[in-house]
Protein backbone atom coordinates (compact mmCIF):
# COMPACT_ATOMS: atom_id res chain seq x y z
CA MET A 1 140.21 -7.87 -90.65
CA ARG A 2 137.99 -7.52 -88.16
CA ARG A 3 134.32 -9.12 -88.73
CA GLY A 4 131.42 -8.36 -87.06
CA LEU A 5 128.12 -9.79 -86.97
CA VAL A 6 124.89 -7.58 -85.91
CA VAL A 7 122.08 -9.95 -84.30
CA VAL A 8 118.98 -7.93 -84.91
CA ASP A 9 115.98 -7.45 -82.57
CA ALA A 10 115.93 -11.21 -81.03
CA TRP A 11 113.68 -9.67 -78.38
CA SER A 12 113.10 -12.58 -75.46
CA VAL A 13 109.75 -13.58 -75.59
CA SER A 14 109.81 -14.53 -71.84
CA LYS A 15 106.89 -13.26 -70.15
CA SER A 16 108.79 -10.77 -67.72
CA LEU A 17 109.90 -9.06 -70.64
CA LEU A 18 107.11 -8.37 -72.35
CA ASP A 19 105.72 -6.80 -68.70
CA LEU A 20 108.23 -4.45 -68.19
CA GLY A 21 107.35 -3.41 -71.64
CA GLU A 22 104.24 -2.52 -70.85
CA LYS A 23 104.84 -1.02 -67.99
CA MET A 24 106.99 1.17 -69.75
CA HIS A 25 104.61 2.32 -72.09
CA ARG A 26 107.07 3.26 -74.66
CA ASN A 27 110.33 1.64 -76.60
CA GLU A 28 108.13 -2.01 -75.68
CA PRO A 29 109.09 -5.11 -77.02
CA PRO A 30 107.15 -6.30 -79.74
CA GLN A 31 103.76 -8.13 -78.81
CA TRP A 32 104.07 -10.81 -81.12
CA SER A 33 101.86 -13.42 -82.31
CA SER A 34 101.98 -16.86 -81.12
CA GLU A 35 102.87 -18.19 -84.53
CA VAL A 36 105.61 -15.44 -84.58
CA LYS A 37 106.90 -16.15 -80.59
CA ASP A 38 107.21 -19.99 -82.07
CA ASN A 39 109.50 -18.66 -84.77
CA VAL A 40 111.70 -16.61 -82.43
CA LYS A 41 112.30 -18.83 -80.03
CA ASN A 42 113.05 -21.70 -82.56
CA PHE A 43 115.68 -19.76 -85.05
CA SER A 44 117.03 -18.27 -82.03
CA ASN A 45 118.84 -21.51 -81.31
CA PHE A 46 120.13 -21.79 -84.87
CA LEU A 47 121.58 -18.07 -84.40
CA ASP A 48 123.27 -19.13 -80.99
CA TYR A 49 124.93 -22.03 -82.39
CA VAL A 50 126.15 -19.75 -85.33
CA CYS A 51 126.96 -16.91 -82.52
CA ASP A 52 129.18 -19.84 -80.37
CA ILE A 53 131.08 -20.49 -83.95
CA GLU A 54 131.67 -17.10 -84.86
CA ARG A 55 132.91 -15.66 -80.99
CA LYS A 56 135.77 -18.73 -81.32
CA LYS A 57 137.15 -17.15 -85.05
CA GLY A 58 137.41 -13.79 -82.97
CA THR A 59 133.99 -12.07 -84.98
CA THR A 60 132.25 -9.51 -82.60
CA ILE A 61 128.74 -10.31 -82.00
CA ILE A 62 126.65 -7.18 -81.54
CA HIS A 63 123.06 -7.33 -80.43
CA THR A 64 121.06 -4.57 -81.45
CA PHE A 65 117.52 -3.93 -80.42
CA GLY A 66 115.07 -0.98 -82.27
CA VAL A 67 114.45 1.31 -79.32
CA ASN A 68 115.70 4.77 -78.61
CA ASN A 69 116.31 4.77 -75.38
CA SER A 70 118.78 2.32 -72.45
CA GLN A 71 115.85 1.71 -69.74
CA LEU A 72 115.10 -1.94 -70.88
CA PHE A 73 119.20 -2.24 -70.45
CA SER A 74 119.74 -1.42 -67.44
CA GLN A 75 116.85 -3.93 -66.03
CA GLU A 76 118.26 -6.21 -63.78
CA LYS A 77 117.47 -9.74 -63.72
CA ILE A 78 115.91 -9.51 -67.76
CA ASN A 79 117.72 -10.29 -70.43
CA ILE A 80 116.03 -8.81 -73.25
CA SER A 81 117.56 -11.26 -75.70
CA GLN A 82 116.41 -14.41 -76.72
CA LEU A 83 120.05 -15.54 -77.63
CA THR A 84 122.51 -15.97 -75.28
CA VAL A 85 124.46 -13.04 -74.76
CA ASP A 86 128.15 -13.58 -74.06
CA GLU A 87 130.13 -11.24 -71.92
CA LYS A 88 132.78 -10.53 -74.75
CA ASP A 89 129.32 -9.37 -76.84
CA LYS A 90 128.35 -5.99 -77.00
CA VAL A 91 124.73 -4.84 -76.43
CA THR A 92 123.15 -1.51 -78.20
CA PHE A 93 119.74 0.16 -79.47
CA ALA A 94 118.99 1.50 -82.89
CA ILE A 95 120.70 4.89 -82.19
CA GLN A 96 123.72 3.45 -81.11
CA LEU A 97 124.33 0.83 -83.09
CA GLY A 98 126.50 2.92 -85.88
CA ALA A 99 128.78 4.37 -83.20
CA THR A 100 128.94 0.99 -81.52
CA ILE A 101 130.48 -0.19 -85.18
CA LEU A 102 133.05 2.46 -85.37
CA GLU A 103 134.02 2.72 -82.34
CA SER A 104 134.69 -1.55 -82.50
CA ASN A 105 136.80 -0.83 -85.63
CA ILE A 106 135.09 -3.50 -87.78
CA ASP A 107 135.92 -3.83 -91.42
CA GLU A 108 133.11 -6.07 -92.12
CA VAL A 109 129.69 -6.31 -90.84
CA TYR A 110 126.96 -8.64 -91.70
CA PHE A 111 123.42 -8.60 -90.21
CA CYS A 112 121.25 -11.22 -89.39
CA GLY A 113 118.14 -11.68 -86.97
CA PHE A 114 114.55 -10.35 -87.40
CA HIS A 115 113.14 -9.77 -89.45
CA PHE A 116 114.51 -9.63 -93.22
CA GLY A 117 112.73 -6.70 -95.50
CA LEU A 118 112.08 -4.64 -92.44
CA CYS A 119 114.37 -4.17 -89.32
CA ILE A 120 117.18 -6.03 -90.49
CA HIS A 121 117.57 -3.14 -93.74
CA ASP A 122 116.52 -0.49 -91.67
CA LYS A 123 119.39 -1.03 -89.31
CA ILE A 124 121.88 -1.79 -92.46
CA ALA A 125 120.75 1.18 -94.24
CA ASN A 126 120.90 3.65 -91.12
CA VAL A 127 124.88 2.40 -90.51
CA SER A 128 125.65 3.32 -94.09
CA GLU A 129 123.77 6.29 -94.21
CA LEU A 130 123.81 7.84 -91.18
CA THR A 131 128.16 7.24 -90.13
CA ASP A 132 131.42 7.61 -91.38
CA TYR A 133 131.34 3.79 -92.00
CA ASN A 134 133.21 2.48 -95.11
CA GLY A 135 133.67 -1.04 -94.79
CA LYS A 136 132.36 -4.11 -95.97
CA LEU A 137 128.27 -4.33 -95.16
CA GLY A 138 126.32 -7.33 -95.69
CA VAL A 139 122.73 -8.97 -94.95
CA ILE A 140 123.37 -12.95 -94.14
CA ILE A 141 120.01 -14.59 -96.09
CA ASN A 142 120.05 -17.79 -94.00
CA LEU A 143 120.62 -16.00 -90.53
CA SER A 144 117.37 -13.87 -91.01
CA MET A 145 114.08 -14.75 -90.21
CA LEU A 146 110.85 -13.21 -92.53
CA LEU A 147 107.37 -12.97 -91.14
CA PRO A 148 105.49 -15.28 -91.44
CA VAL A 149 103.26 -13.15 -94.06
CA ASP A 150 106.29 -12.55 -96.49
CA THR A 151 108.80 -14.56 -99.43
CA PHE A 152 112.28 -13.44 -99.84
CA LYS A 153 111.21 -13.35 -103.09
CA ARG A 154 108.98 -10.55 -102.27
CA LYS A 155 111.18 -8.45 -99.89
CA PHE A 156 114.05 -8.82 -102.76
CA GLU A 157 111.98 -7.41 -105.08
CA ARG A 158 110.99 -4.54 -103.09
CA PHE A 159 114.64 -3.68 -102.52
CA HIS A 160 116.38 -4.08 -105.79
CA LYS A 161 113.77 -1.64 -107.78
CA PRO A 162 115.63 1.29 -109.90
CA ASN A 163 116.00 4.34 -108.09
CA LYS A 164 114.40 3.03 -104.80
CA PRO A 165 114.93 6.73 -102.95
CA ARG A 166 115.11 4.87 -99.40
CA TYR A 167 118.50 4.12 -99.70
CA LYS A 168 121.42 5.82 -101.46
CA PRO A 169 123.22 4.11 -104.13
CA ASN A 170 126.87 4.86 -102.91
CA HIS A 171 125.82 3.05 -99.95
CA ALA A 172 125.13 -0.43 -100.99
CA TRP A 173 125.30 -4.06 -99.51
CA ASP A 174 125.86 -6.80 -100.70
CA TYR A 175 124.00 -10.52 -99.36
CA TYR A 176 125.55 -13.51 -98.34
CA LEU A 177 125.36 -17.36 -96.64
CA TRP A 178 126.45 -18.56 -93.58
CA THR A 179 127.77 -21.94 -94.99
CA PRO A 180 128.28 -25.20 -92.87
CA LYS A 181 132.39 -24.41 -93.65
CA CYS A 182 131.52 -21.56 -91.46
CA GLU A 183 131.92 -18.78 -93.86
CA PHE A 184 129.84 -15.89 -95.47
CA GLU A 185 129.72 -16.38 -98.80
CA LYS A 186 128.73 -13.70 -100.97
CA ILE A 187 125.65 -14.46 -103.26
CA ASP A 188 123.99 -12.83 -106.26
CA ILE A 189 121.19 -10.99 -105.97
CA SER A 190 119.58 -10.59 -109.38
CA PHE A 191 116.14 -10.07 -110.90
CA PRO A 192 114.70 -9.40 -114.92
């Protein structure tokens, strides 16, 4: 079984990247608040640690960003990710994520990064609805950040409403935790 870990929107918070985004005037990196930037910097250290362990186990790491063109990827000397991007990792943007997963022949794909209930869920929904991918899909809760104004409970309740039209019922995904044993452990999320 080939496993992939998709790290969503771990944008670098460096001034050089933000300046480049402003010059491009579209598809620019997010202009996060100081609080969110601090969260991204600190949580990214943990994600780097996990990615290092997963690479050693043979997991394909895919960094994806919510832009629809490749201008940011072609700029020299600018690292668009707050995480360390290894030479074996794949870097793609939102519109090509599904194709990147299919081309990599990955059987299990787990999503994490920034932000739970927003971009992470949009990316996993797009892969499940807009591609022919038939493998296992999951979101790793403890490898995902919330925006400071959100709660996990509120986000779970939003995504588990009956007949939610945004997500097709036959394209469901499960929730997992990354455990100290370095495994992805499925958890049951249920609300009365």
